Amino acid sequence: MWQKTGALLLLALMTGCAQEAPPALIQPQGEYRLLPWETTRRQVDALLQGDQNMLLSVQNKPNAVTPPVLFALAYQLYQQQHYHDAMFWFYTAQLRARSDANKSLDASVQQGVTKLSEQFGSEIAAYGLSHPAEMEAAMRQTLTWDKTAQRSYNPRWVALHGTEMETQKEYAFLPMDRWPQIDQITHREYARGFARLMVSLRQGSGFSLPN
């Protein structure tokens, strides 16, 4: 089970979708206070409320926002029936969130990003599975774009979705000089996982990965 802190942080991000008032927030302490929690929450709330200015702003500068913001962007685009764009940003957010989780030494953040993906993208994932050709086109775009896109957000955001922030004042990550390699490995594994999914959906017809 995903632990208390991550769940509360997620619920706070999802207030635009909730019908009931969210629980009291756990305030980040120590180094966790340096992470872009308030900015991310403000951007997510604006997107979930359908703020068109925020929608355009995030799409114009996607490398400057954390993956939860891209998840919220994908969710809102799906509600507006922009299915290709919704899938593209959802897969991009999913890939980046997993890559950032792989940089953390707190193993619980893995389940945290899985929960984020499920909360924002259950409808998008279902749509993709029922429209495999559209899903493949969006995934190809994600994999191609991710190879050259330069991320400028702080990947340590993911520490807010782990359990160690309940007991620790400092977050723990692998050295920064290893981050580019982690991004490359995660990209490759993500592409291979999607290729296996397409083989299954097409009953063995295959899927050629972009170079």
N, C-alpha and C. Protein backbone atom coordinates (compact mmCIF):
# COMPACT_ATOMS: atom_id res chain seq x y z
N MET A 1 0.84 -1.20 0.00
CA MET A 1 0.00 0.00 0.00
C MET A 1 0.86 1.24 0.00
N TRP A 2 0.40 2.24 -0.75
CA TRP A 2 1.10 3.53 -0.75
C TRP A 2 0.90 4.19 0.59
N GLN A 3 1.92 4.77 1.15
CA GLN A 3 1.86 5.25 2.52
C GLN A 3 1.17 6.60 2.63
N LYS A 4 0.93 7.02 3.88
CA LYS A 4 0.10 8.16 4.21
C LYS A 4 0.53 9.45 3.54
N THR A 5 1.79 9.81 3.62
CA THR A 5 2.22 11.10 3.11
C THR A 5 1.97 11.23 1.63
N GLY A 6 2.40 10.25 0.85
CA GLY A 6 2.21 10.31 -0.58
C GLY A 6 0.75 10.42 -0.95
N ALA A 7 -0.10 9.69 -0.24
CA ALA A 7 -1.53 9.72 -0.53
C ALA A 7 -2.11 11.10 -0.28
N LEU A 8 -1.71 11.75 0.80
CA LEU A 8 -2.23 13.08 1.11
C LEU A 8 -1.74 14.10 0.11
N LEU A 9 -0.49 14.00 -0.29
CA LEU A 9 0.03 14.92 -1.29
C LEU A 9 -0.71 14.74 -2.60
N LEU A 10 -0.98 13.50 -2.99
CA LEU A 10 -1.69 13.24 -4.22
C LEU A 10 -3.10 13.81 -4.16
N LEU A 11 -3.79 13.59 -3.06
CA LEU A 11 -5.15 14.11 -2.93
C LEU A 11 -5.17 15.62 -3.04
N ALA A 12 -4.16 16.26 -2.51
CA ALA A 12 -4.09 17.71 -2.62
C ALA A 12 -3.94 18.14 -4.07
N LEU A 13 -3.14 17.41 -4.83
CA LEU A 13 -2.97 17.74 -6.24
C LEU A 13 -4.26 17.52 -7.02
N MET A 14 -5.09 16.61 -6.55
CA MET A 14 -6.29 16.25 -7.28
C MET A 14 -7.53 16.97 -6.79
N THR A 15 -7.40 18.06 -6.06
CA THR A 15 -8.57 18.73 -5.49
C THR A 15 -9.55 19.17 -6.55
N GLY A 16 -9.07 19.47 -7.75
CA GLY A 16 -9.99 19.89 -8.80
C GLY A 16 -10.91 18.78 -9.25
N CYS A 17 -10.56 17.51 -8.96
CA CYS A 17 -11.40 16.39 -9.36
C CYS A 17 -12.25 15.87 -8.20
N ALA A 18 -11.96 16.30 -7.00
CA ALA A 18 -12.61 15.73 -5.83
C ALA A 18 -13.94 16.42 -5.55
N GLN A 19 -14.86 15.68 -4.96
CA GLN A 19 -16.14 16.22 -4.56
C GLN A 19 -16.13 16.61 -3.08
N GLU A 20 -15.25 16.02 -2.31
CA GLU A 20 -15.17 16.31 -0.89
C GLU A 20 -13.92 17.12 -0.60
N ALA A 21 -13.92 17.80 0.56
CA ALA A 21 -12.75 18.58 0.94
C ALA A 21 -11.57 17.65 1.19
N PRO A 22 -10.37 18.04 0.75
CA PRO A 22 -9.20 17.18 0.96
C PRO A 22 -8.80 17.17 2.42
N PRO A 23 -8.06 16.15 2.87
CA PRO A 23 -7.59 16.12 4.25
C PRO A 23 -6.55 17.19 4.49
N ALA A 24 -6.27 17.45 5.74
CA ALA A 24 -5.25 18.43 6.09
C ALA A 24 -3.91 17.99 5.50
N LEU A 25 -3.18 18.94 4.96
CA LEU A 25 -1.92 18.62 4.30
C LEU A 25 -0.80 18.45 5.32
N ILE A 26 0.11 17.52 5.01
CA ILE A 26 1.33 17.40 5.77
C ILE A 26 2.33 18.38 5.17
N GLN A 27 2.86 19.26 5.98
CA GLN A 27 3.77 20.27 5.49
C GLN A 27 5.19 19.71 5.36
N PRO A 28 5.80 19.84 4.18
CA PRO A 28 7.17 19.35 4.01
C PRO A 28 8.12 20.06 4.97
N GLN A 29 9.11 19.31 5.46
CA GLN A 29 10.09 19.84 6.40
C GLN A 29 11.49 19.68 5.82
N GLY A 30 12.45 20.40 6.42
CA GLY A 30 13.84 20.26 6.01
C GLY A 30 14.04 20.56 4.54
N GLU A 31 14.85 19.74 3.86
CA GLU A 31 15.12 19.94 2.44
C GLU A 31 13.86 19.82 1.59
N TYR A 32 12.88 19.08 2.07
CA TYR A 32 11.64 18.90 1.31
C TYR A 32 10.93 20.22 1.07
N ARG A 33 11.18 21.20 1.95
CA ARG A 33 10.55 22.50 1.79
C ARG A 33 11.11 23.26 0.58
N LEU A 34 12.28 22.84 0.08
CA LEU A 34 12.89 23.50 -1.06
C LEU A 34 12.30 23.03 -2.39
N LEU A 35 11.52 21.99 -2.36
CA LEU A 35 10.97 21.41 -3.58
C LEU A 35 9.75 22.21 -4.06
N PRO A 36 9.44 22.17 -5.36
CA PRO A 36 8.41 23.04 -5.95
C PRO A 36 6.98 22.57 -5.68
N TRP A 37 6.68 22.33 -4.41
CA TRP A 37 5.37 21.80 -4.05
C TRP A 37 4.25 22.79 -4.33
N GLU A 38 4.37 24.02 -3.85
CA GLU A 38 3.31 25.01 -4.01
C GLU A 38 3.10 25.36 -5.48
N THR A 39 4.18 25.52 -6.22
CA THR A 39 4.06 25.85 -7.65
C THR A 39 3.36 24.73 -8.39
N THR A 40 3.75 23.49 -8.11
CA THR A 40 3.11 22.35 -8.77
C THR A 40 1.63 22.29 -8.43
N ARG A 41 1.28 22.48 -7.17
CA ARG A 41 -0.12 22.42 -6.77
C ARG A 41 -0.94 23.50 -7.46
N ARG A 42 -0.39 24.71 -7.54
CA ARG A 42 -1.10 25.81 -8.20
C ARG A 42 -1.33 25.51 -9.67
N GLN A 43 -0.31 24.99 -10.34
CA GLN A 43 -0.44 24.68 -11.77
C GLN A 43 -1.43 23.54 -12.00
N VAL A 44 -1.36 22.52 -11.17
CA VAL A 44 -2.28 21.39 -11.30
C VAL A 44 -3.72 21.84 -11.08
N ASP A 45 -3.96 22.62 -10.05
CA ASP A 45 -5.31 23.11 -9.77
C ASP A 45 -5.85 23.91 -10.95
N ALA A 46 -5.02 24.79 -11.51
CA ALA A 46 -5.47 25.62 -12.63
C ALA A 46 -5.83 24.75 -13.84
N LEU A 47 -5.03 23.74 -14.11
CA LEU A 47 -5.32 22.85 -15.23
C LEU A 47 -6.60 22.06 -15.02
N LEU A 48 -6.77 21.52 -13.83
CA LEU A 48 -7.96 20.73 -13.55
C LEU A 48 -9.24 21.57 -13.59
N GLN A 49 -9.08 22.87 -13.35
CA GLN A 49 -10.22 23.78 -13.42
C GLN A 49 -10.45 24.31 -14.84
N GLY A 50 -9.63 23.87 -15.78
CA GLY A 50 -9.82 24.26 -17.17
C GLY A 50 -9.28 25.62 -17.53
N ASP A 51 -8.33 26.14 -16.78
CA ASP A 51 -7.73 27.44 -17.06
C ASP A 51 -6.98 27.39 -18.40
N GLN A 52 -7.52 28.08 -19.41
CA GLN A 52 -6.93 28.01 -20.75
C GLN A 52 -5.56 28.66 -20.83
N ASN A 53 -5.35 29.70 -20.05
CA ASN A 53 -4.03 30.34 -20.03
C ASN A 53 -2.97 29.38 -19.51
N MET A 54 -3.30 28.64 -18.45
CA MET A 54 -2.37 27.66 -17.93
C MET A 54 -2.18 26.51 -18.91
N LEU A 55 -3.25 26.13 -19.57
CA LEU A 55 -3.18 25.06 -20.56
C LEU A 55 -2.18 25.40 -21.66
N LEU A 56 -2.26 26.62 -22.15
CA LEU A 56 -1.35 27.06 -23.21
C LEU A 56 0.07 27.25 -22.67
N SER A 57 0.17 27.81 -21.46
CA SER A 57 1.49 28.06 -20.88
C SER A 57 2.28 26.77 -20.70
N VAL A 58 1.64 25.74 -20.19
CA VAL A 58 2.32 24.46 -19.95
C VAL A 58 2.72 23.81 -21.27
N GLN A 59 1.85 23.88 -22.27
CA GLN A 59 2.19 23.28 -23.56
C GLN A 59 3.31 24.04 -24.26
N ASN A 60 3.42 25.33 -24.00
CA ASN A 60 4.48 26.12 -24.61
C ASN A 60 5.83 25.90 -23.93
N LYS A 61 5.81 25.58 -22.62
CA LYS A 61 7.06 25.38 -21.88
C LYS A 61 6.97 24.10 -21.03
N PRO A 62 6.81 22.96 -21.69
CA PRO A 62 6.60 21.70 -20.96
C PRO A 62 7.82 21.22 -20.19
N ASN A 63 9.01 21.66 -20.59
CA ASN A 63 10.22 21.19 -19.92
C ASN A 63 10.47 21.88 -18.59
N ALA A 64 9.70 22.94 -18.33
CA ALA A 64 9.90 23.70 -17.09
C ALA A 64 9.00 23.25 -15.96
N VAL A 65 8.07 22.34 -16.24
CA VAL A 65 7.12 21.92 -15.21
C VAL A 65 7.38 20.48 -14.79
N THR A 66 6.97 20.14 -13.58
CA THR A 66 7.17 18.79 -13.08
C THR A 66 6.16 17.83 -13.72
N PRO A 67 6.45 16.53 -13.73
CA PRO A 67 5.54 15.56 -14.33
C PRO A 67 4.10 15.60 -13.80
N PRO A 68 3.84 15.85 -12.50
CA PRO A 68 2.43 15.94 -12.09
C PRO A 68 1.65 16.99 -12.87
N VAL A 69 2.31 18.07 -13.27
CA VAL A 69 1.64 19.10 -14.07
C VAL A 69 1.32 18.56 -15.46
N LEU A 70 2.22 17.77 -16.04
CA LEU A 70 1.94 17.17 -17.34
C LEU A 70 0.84 16.12 -17.22
N PHE A 71 0.78 15.41 -16.11
CA PHE A 71 -0.34 14.49 -15.89
C PHE A 71 -1.66 15.25 -15.89
N ALA A 72 -1.70 16.38 -15.19
CA ALA A 72 -2.92 17.19 -15.13
C ALA A 72 -3.27 17.77 -16.49
N LEU A 73 -2.25 18.17 -17.25
CA LEU A 73 -2.48 18.65 -18.61
C LEU A 73 -3.13 17.57 -19.45
N ALA A 74 -2.59 16.36 -19.37
CA ALA A 74 -3.15 15.24 -20.13
C ALA A 74 -4.59 14.97 -19.72
N TYR A 75 -4.85 15.02 -18.43
CA TYR A 75 -6.21 14.79 -17.93
C TYR A 75 -7.19 15.81 -18.52
N GLN A 76 -6.80 17.09 -18.48
CA GLN A 76 -7.68 18.14 -18.99
C GLN A 76 -7.88 18.03 -20.50
N LEU A 77 -6.83 17.73 -21.23
CA LEU A 77 -6.96 17.57 -22.68
C LEU A 77 -7.88 16.41 -23.02
N TYR A 78 -7.82 15.35 -22.23
CA TYR A 78 -8.71 14.22 -22.47
C TYR A 78 -10.16 14.63 -22.24
N GLN A 79 -10.41 15.40 -21.20
CA GLN A 79 -11.77 15.87 -20.93
C GLN A 79 -12.29 16.72 -22.08
N GLN A 80 -11.38 17.40 -22.78
CA GLN A 80 -11.75 18.24 -23.92
C GLN A 80 -11.75 17.45 -25.23
N GLN A 81 -11.55 16.15 -25.13
CA GLN A 81 -11.59 15.22 -26.26
C GLN A 81 -10.44 15.42 -27.26
N HIS A 82 -9.33 15.95 -26.76
CA HIS A 82 -8.11 16.02 -27.57
C HIS A 82 -7.29 14.76 -27.27
N TYR A 83 -7.72 13.65 -27.83
CA TYR A 83 -7.23 12.36 -27.38
C TYR A 83 -5.75 12.12 -27.70
N HIS A 84 -5.32 12.51 -28.90
CA HIS A 84 -3.91 12.29 -29.23
C HIS A 84 -3.00 13.09 -28.30
N ASP A 85 -3.29 14.36 -28.13
CA ASP A 85 -2.46 15.21 -27.27
C ASP A 85 -2.51 14.72 -25.82
N ALA A 86 -3.68 14.26 -25.39
CA ALA A 86 -3.81 13.74 -24.02
C ALA A 86 -2.90 12.53 -23.83
N MET A 87 -2.89 11.62 -24.79
CA MET A 87 -2.03 10.45 -24.68
C MET A 87 -0.56 10.83 -24.74
N PHE A 88 -0.22 11.76 -25.63
CA PHE A 88 1.18 12.17 -25.74
C PHE A 88 1.70 12.73 -24.43
N TRP A 89 0.97 13.65 -23.82
CA TRP A 89 1.44 14.25 -22.57
C TRP A 89 1.36 13.27 -21.41
N PHE A 90 0.39 12.37 -21.44
CA PHE A 90 0.31 11.36 -20.39
C PHE A 90 1.52 10.43 -20.44
N TYR A 91 1.85 9.94 -21.62
CA TYR A 91 3.01 9.05 -21.75
C TYR A 91 4.31 9.79 -21.41
N THR A 92 4.40 11.06 -21.79
CA THR A 92 5.57 11.85 -21.46
C THR A 92 5.71 12.02 -19.96
N ALA A 93 4.59 12.34 -19.30
CA ALA A 93 4.61 12.49 -17.84
C ALA A 93 4.97 11.18 -17.17
N GLN A 94 4.42 10.10 -17.67
CA GLN A 94 4.68 8.77 -17.10
C GLN A 94 6.16 8.41 -17.22
N LEU A 95 6.72 8.64 -18.38
CA LEU A 95 8.13 8.33 -18.61
C LEU A 95 9.04 9.18 -17.73
N ARG A 96 8.77 10.47 -17.65
CA ARG A 96 9.60 11.35 -16.84
C ARG A 96 9.47 11.05 -15.36
N ALA A 97 8.26 10.79 -14.91
CA ALA A 97 8.05 10.48 -13.50
C ALA A 97 8.80 9.22 -13.10
N ARG A 98 8.75 8.20 -13.97
CA ARG A 98 9.46 6.95 -13.66
C ARG A 98 10.96 7.17 -13.67
N SER A 99 11.44 7.96 -14.61
CA SER A 99 12.87 8.25 -14.68
C SER A 99 13.33 8.99 -13.42
N ASP A 100 12.54 9.94 -12.96
CA ASP A 100 12.90 10.67 -11.74
C ASP A 100 12.86 9.76 -10.52
N ALA A 101 11.88 8.87 -10.47
CA ALA A 101 11.80 7.93 -9.35
C ALA A 101 13.02 7.02 -9.32
N ASN A 102 13.55 6.69 -10.49
CA ASN A 102 14.73 5.83 -10.56
C ASN A 102 15.99 6.52 -10.05
N LYS A 103 15.96 7.85 -9.91
CA LYS A 103 17.10 8.59 -9.38
C LYS A 103 17.07 8.67 -7.85
N SER A 104 15.93 8.36 -7.28
CA SER A 104 15.76 8.48 -5.83
C SER A 104 16.21 7.21 -5.12
N LEU A 105 16.76 7.39 -3.92
CA LEU A 105 17.14 6.24 -3.09
C LEU A 105 16.01 5.82 -2.15
N ASP A 106 14.89 6.54 -2.20
CA ASP A 106 13.70 6.17 -1.44
C ASP A 106 12.84 5.29 -2.34
N ALA A 107 12.85 3.98 -2.09
CA ALA A 107 12.14 3.04 -2.97
C ALA A 107 10.64 3.29 -3.02
N SER A 108 10.09 3.93 -1.99
CA SER A 108 8.64 4.13 -1.94
C SER A 108 8.14 5.12 -2.98
N VAL A 109 9.02 5.93 -3.56
CA VAL A 109 8.55 6.87 -4.57
C VAL A 109 8.10 6.14 -5.84
N GLN A 110 8.56 4.91 -6.05
CA GLN A 110 8.12 4.15 -7.22
C GLN A 110 6.61 3.94 -7.18
N GLN A 111 6.13 3.55 -6.01
CA GLN A 111 4.69 3.36 -5.87
C GLN A 111 3.96 4.69 -5.93
N GLY A 112 4.63 5.75 -5.49
CA GLY A 112 4.03 7.08 -5.55
C GLY A 112 3.75 7.51 -6.98
N VAL A 113 4.71 7.32 -7.89
CA VAL A 113 4.49 7.74 -9.27
C VAL A 113 3.50 6.81 -9.97
N THR A 114 3.46 5.55 -9.56
CA THR A 114 2.44 4.65 -10.11
C THR A 114 1.05 5.14 -9.75
N LYS A 115 0.90 5.59 -8.51
CA LYS A 115 -0.39 6.11 -8.07
C LYS A 115 -0.77 7.38 -8.82
N LEU A 116 0.19 8.26 -9.04
CA LEU A 116 -0.07 9.46 -9.83
C LEU A 116 -0.59 9.09 -11.22
N SER A 117 0.08 8.14 -11.85
CA SER A 117 -0.31 7.71 -13.19
C SER A 117 -1.73 7.16 -13.19
N GLU A 118 -2.07 6.36 -12.19
CA GLU A 118 -3.40 5.77 -12.11
C GLU A 118 -4.47 6.83 -11.87
N GLN A 119 -4.19 7.77 -11.00
CA GLN A 119 -5.18 8.79 -10.65
C GLN A 119 -5.49 9.70 -11.84
N PHE A 120 -4.47 10.12 -12.54
CA PHE A 120 -4.67 11.06 -13.64
C PHE A 120 -5.02 10.36 -14.95
N GLY A 121 -4.57 9.12 -15.14
CA GLY A 121 -4.61 8.55 -16.48
C GLY A 121 -5.40 7.29 -16.69
N SER A 122 -6.27 6.92 -15.77
CA SER A 122 -7.00 5.66 -15.95
C SER A 122 -7.86 5.68 -17.21
N GLU A 123 -8.53 6.81 -17.45
CA GLU A 123 -9.36 6.93 -18.65
C GLU A 123 -8.50 6.97 -19.91
N ILE A 124 -7.39 7.67 -19.84
CA ILE A 124 -6.50 7.78 -21.00
C ILE A 124 -5.91 6.42 -21.34
N ALA A 125 -5.49 5.67 -20.32
CA ALA A 125 -4.93 4.34 -20.55
C ALA A 125 -5.96 3.42 -21.19
N ALA A 126 -7.19 3.48 -20.70
CA ALA A 126 -8.26 2.64 -21.26
C ALA A 126 -8.55 3.02 -22.71
N TYR A 127 -8.54 4.32 -22.98
CA TYR A 127 -8.78 4.77 -24.35
C TYR A 127 -7.68 4.25 -25.27
N GLY A 128 -6.44 4.34 -24.83
CA GLY A 128 -5.33 3.88 -25.65
C GLY A 128 -5.42 2.40 -25.97
N LEU A 129 -5.78 1.60 -24.98
CA LEU A 129 -5.88 0.16 -25.21
C LEU A 129 -6.99 -0.18 -26.20
N SER A 130 -8.03 0.63 -26.25
CA SER A 130 -9.13 0.37 -27.18
C SER A 130 -8.91 1.04 -28.54
N HIS A 131 -7.85 1.85 -28.64
CA HIS A 131 -7.49 2.49 -29.91
C HIS A 131 -5.97 2.33 -30.12
N PRO A 132 -5.52 1.10 -30.36
CA PRO A 132 -4.08 0.84 -30.39
C PRO A 132 -3.31 1.62 -31.45
N ALA A 133 -3.91 1.89 -32.60
CA ALA A 133 -3.19 2.64 -33.63
C ALA A 133 -2.93 4.08 -33.16
N GLU A 134 -3.94 4.68 -32.52
CA GLU A 134 -3.76 6.03 -31.98
C GLU A 134 -2.75 6.02 -30.83
N MET A 135 -2.80 5.00 -30.01
CA MET A 135 -1.86 4.88 -28.91
C MET A 135 -0.43 4.76 -29.43
N GLU A 136 -0.24 3.96 -30.46
CA GLU A 136 1.10 3.79 -31.03
C GLU A 136 1.63 5.11 -31.58
N ALA A 137 0.78 5.88 -32.26
CA ALA A 137 1.21 7.16 -32.82
C ALA A 137 1.64 8.12 -31.71
N ALA A 138 0.86 8.15 -30.62
CA ALA A 138 1.20 9.04 -29.50
C ALA A 138 2.47 8.59 -28.81
N MET A 139 2.64 7.28 -28.66
CA MET A 139 3.84 6.77 -28.01
C MET A 139 5.08 7.01 -28.85
N ARG A 140 4.97 6.85 -30.15
CA ARG A 140 6.11 7.15 -31.02
C ARG A 140 6.52 8.61 -30.88
N GLN A 141 5.53 9.49 -30.81
CA GLN A 141 5.82 10.91 -30.64
C GLN A 141 6.52 11.16 -29.31
N THR A 142 6.04 10.51 -28.26
CA THR A 142 6.66 10.66 -26.94
C THR A 142 8.11 10.21 -26.96
N LEU A 143 8.36 9.03 -27.51
CA LEU A 143 9.72 8.48 -27.50
C LEU A 143 10.67 9.31 -28.36
N THR A 144 10.17 9.82 -29.47
CA THR A 144 11.01 10.67 -30.33
C THR A 144 11.31 12.00 -29.66
N TRP A 145 10.28 12.63 -29.10
CA TRP A 145 10.45 13.94 -28.48
C TRP A 145 11.34 13.87 -27.25
N ASP A 146 11.19 12.80 -26.47
CA ASP A 146 11.93 12.68 -25.22
C ASP A 146 13.44 12.58 -25.46
N LYS A 147 13.83 12.12 -26.63
CA LYS A 147 15.27 11.95 -26.90
C LYS A 147 16.01 13.27 -26.96
N THR A 148 15.32 14.33 -27.35
CA THR A 148 16.01 15.61 -27.52
C THR A 148 15.51 16.70 -26.57
N ALA A 149 14.37 16.50 -25.93
CA ALA A 149 13.82 17.51 -25.03
C ALA A 149 14.73 17.68 -23.81
N GLN A 150 15.04 18.91 -23.47
CA GLN A 150 15.93 19.21 -22.35
C GLN A 150 15.10 19.60 -21.12
N ARG A 151 15.06 18.73 -20.14
CA ARG A 151 14.27 18.99 -18.94
C ARG A 151 14.95 20.05 -18.08
N SER A 152 14.18 21.04 -17.64
CA SER A 152 14.75 22.09 -16.79
C SER A 152 14.09 22.14 -15.41
N TYR A 153 13.15 21.24 -15.14
CA TYR A 153 12.54 21.18 -13.81
C TYR A 153 13.44 20.40 -12.86
N ASN A 154 13.13 20.45 -11.58
CA ASN A 154 13.92 19.75 -10.56
C ASN A 154 13.39 18.33 -10.38
N PRO A 155 14.15 17.30 -10.77
CA PRO A 155 13.65 15.92 -10.66
C PRO A 155 13.46 15.45 -9.23
N ARG A 156 13.98 16.23 -8.27
CA ARG A 156 13.81 15.84 -6.87
C ARG A 156 12.37 16.04 -6.37
N TRP A 157 11.51 16.63 -7.21
CA TRP A 157 10.10 16.76 -6.83
C TRP A 157 9.52 15.43 -6.36
N VAL A 158 10.05 14.34 -6.96
CA VAL A 158 9.48 13.02 -6.70
C VAL A 158 9.62 12.61 -5.24
N ALA A 159 10.57 13.23 -4.51
CA ALA A 159 10.76 12.89 -3.10
C ALA A 159 9.51 13.18 -2.28
N LEU A 160 8.67 14.11 -2.75
CA LEU A 160 7.44 14.45 -2.03
C LEU A 160 6.42 13.33 -2.08
N HIS A 161 6.64 12.34 -2.94
CA HIS A 161 5.69 11.25 -3.09
C HIS A 161 6.21 9.94 -2.51
N GLY A 162 7.17 10.05 -1.63
CA GLY A 162 7.68 8.88 -0.92
C GLY A 162 7.36 8.95 0.55
N THR A 163 7.70 7.92 1.28
CA THR A 163 7.37 7.86 2.71
C THR A 163 8.46 8.45 3.59
N GLU A 164 9.66 8.62 3.06
CA GLU A 164 10.76 9.09 3.91
C GLU A 164 10.57 10.53 4.37
N MET A 165 9.73 11.30 3.67
CA MET A 165 9.53 12.68 4.10
C MET A 165 8.78 12.75 5.42
N GLU A 166 8.19 11.63 5.86
CA GLU A 166 7.54 11.59 7.17
C GLU A 166 8.55 11.59 8.30
N THR A 167 9.74 11.04 8.04
CA THR A 167 10.71 10.84 9.13
C THR A 167 12.05 11.50 8.88
N GLN A 168 12.32 11.91 7.64
CA GLN A 168 13.62 12.45 7.30
C GLN A 168 13.54 13.95 7.01
N LYS A 169 14.65 14.64 7.21
CA LYS A 169 14.74 16.06 6.86
C LYS A 169 15.48 16.26 5.54
N GLU A 170 16.21 15.23 5.09
CA GLU A 170 16.99 15.33 3.86
C GLU A 170 16.57 14.24 2.90
N TYR A 171 16.41 14.60 1.63
CA TYR A 171 16.09 13.58 0.64
C TYR A 171 17.38 12.97 0.10
N ALA A 172 17.29 11.76 -0.40
CA ALA A 172 18.46 11.01 -0.85
C ALA A 172 18.30 10.61 -2.31
N PHE A 173 19.29 11.02 -3.13
CA PHE A 173 19.26 10.70 -4.55
C PHE A 173 20.63 10.21 -5.00
N LEU A 174 20.63 9.49 -6.11
CA LEU A 174 21.89 9.11 -6.73
C LEU A 174 22.61 10.36 -7.22
N PRO A 175 23.93 10.31 -7.40
CA PRO A 175 24.69 11.48 -7.84
C PRO A 175 24.17 12.04 -9.17
N MET A 176 24.21 13.35 -9.31
CA MET A 176 23.68 14.01 -10.50
C MET A 176 24.37 13.57 -11.78
N ASP A 177 25.65 13.19 -11.70
CA ASP A 177 26.34 12.80 -12.92
C ASP A 177 25.82 11.48 -13.49
N ARG A 178 25.00 10.78 -12.70
CA ARG A 178 24.41 9.54 -13.19
C ARG A 178 23.01 9.75 -13.77
N TRP A 179 22.47 10.92 -13.59
CA TRP A 179 21.09 11.16 -14.03
C TRP A 179 20.89 11.01 -15.53
N PRO A 180 21.78 11.53 -16.39
CA PRO A 180 21.57 11.34 -17.83
C PRO A 180 21.51 9.87 -18.23
N GLN A 181 22.36 9.06 -17.62
CA GLN A 181 22.34 7.63 -17.92
C GLN A 181 21.04 6.99 -17.45
N ILE A 182 20.54 7.41 -16.30
CA ILE A 182 19.26 6.88 -15.79
C ILE A 182 18.13 7.26 -16.74
N ASP A 183 18.15 8.48 -17.26
CA ASP A 183 17.14 8.90 -18.23
C ASP A 183 17.18 8.01 -19.47
N GLN A 184 18.38 7.72 -19.95
CA GLN A 184 18.51 6.90 -21.15
C GLN A 184 18.03 5.47 -20.91
N ILE A 185 18.42 4.90 -19.77
CA ILE A 185 18.02 3.53 -19.46
C ILE A 185 16.51 3.44 -19.28
N THR A 186 15.94 4.40 -18.57
CA THR A 186 14.49 4.40 -18.36
C THR A 186 13.76 4.54 -19.68
N HIS A 187 14.25 5.41 -20.54
CA HIS A 187 13.66 5.60 -21.87
C HIS A 187 13.66 4.27 -22.63
N ARG A 188 14.78 3.60 -22.61
CA ARG A 188 14.90 2.35 -23.36
C ARG A 188 13.96 1.27 -22.79
N GLU A 189 13.90 1.16 -21.47
CA GLU A 189 13.03 0.16 -20.85
C GLU A 189 11.55 0.49 -21.08
N TYR A 190 11.24 1.77 -21.05
CA TYR A 190 9.85 2.19 -21.30
C TYR A 190 9.44 1.83 -22.73
N ALA A 191 10.32 2.09 -23.67
CA ALA A 191 10.04 1.76 -25.07
C ALA A 191 9.88 0.25 -25.26
N ARG A 192 10.72 -0.52 -24.61
CA ARG A 192 10.63 -1.98 -24.74
C ARG A 192 9.34 -2.50 -24.13
N GLY A 193 8.94 -1.92 -23.01
CA GLY A 193 7.69 -2.33 -22.39
C GLY A 193 6.51 -2.05 -23.30
N PHE A 194 6.53 -0.89 -23.95
CA PHE A 194 5.45 -0.57 -24.87
C PHE A 194 5.47 -1.49 -26.08
N ALA A 195 6.66 -1.81 -26.56
CA ALA A 195 6.76 -2.72 -27.70
C ALA A 195 6.15 -4.08 -27.37
N ARG A 196 6.40 -4.56 -26.17
CA ARG A 196 5.82 -5.85 -25.76
C ARG A 196 4.30 -5.75 -25.69
N LEU A 197 3.81 -4.62 -25.21
CA LEU A 197 2.36 -4.43 -25.15
C LEU A 197 1.75 -4.46 -26.54
N MET A 198 2.39 -3.79 -27.50
CA MET A 198 1.85 -3.76 -28.85
C MET A 198 1.88 -5.14 -29.50
N VAL A 199 2.92 -5.91 -29.23
CA VAL A 199 2.98 -7.28 -29.75
C VAL A 199 1.79 -8.07 -29.22
N SER A 200 1.48 -7.89 -27.94
CA SER A 200 0.35 -8.59 -27.34
C SER A 200 -0.97 -8.14 -27.96
N LEU A 201 -1.14 -6.83 -28.12
CA LEU A 201 -2.39 -6.32 -28.68
C LEU A 201 -2.59 -6.73 -30.13
N ARG A 202 -1.48 -6.82 -30.86
CA ARG A 202 -1.55 -7.17 -32.28
C ARG A 202 -1.34 -8.66 -32.51
N GLN A 203 -1.26 -9.39 -31.43
CA GLN A 203 -1.12 -10.85 -31.49
C GLN A 203 0.11 -11.25 -32.30
N GLY A 204 1.24 -10.57 -31.98
CA GLY A 204 2.51 -10.99 -32.56
C GLY A 204 2.93 -10.28 -33.81
N SER A 205 2.20 -9.22 -34.22
CA SER A 205 2.56 -8.54 -35.47
C SER A 205 3.77 -7.63 -35.30
N GLY A 206 4.10 -7.29 -34.06
CA GLY A 206 5.33 -6.55 -33.80
C GLY A 206 5.16 -5.04 -33.80
N PHE A 207 6.23 -4.37 -33.35
CA PHE A 207 6.27 -2.91 -33.23
C PHE A 207 7.72 -2.52 -33.34
N SER A 208 8.04 -1.68 -34.32
CA SER A 208 9.43 -1.25 -34.49
C SER A 208 9.68 0.02 -33.70
N LEU A 209 10.67 -0.03 -32.82
CA LEU A 209 10.96 1.13 -31.98
C LEU A 209 11.66 2.21 -32.78
N PRO A 210 11.37 3.50 -32.46
CA PRO A 210 12.09 4.58 -33.14
C PRO A 210 13.55 4.55 -32.75
N ASN A 211 14.42 4.95 -33.64
CA ASN A 211 15.86 4.94 -33.36
C ASN A 211 16.21 5.96 -32.30
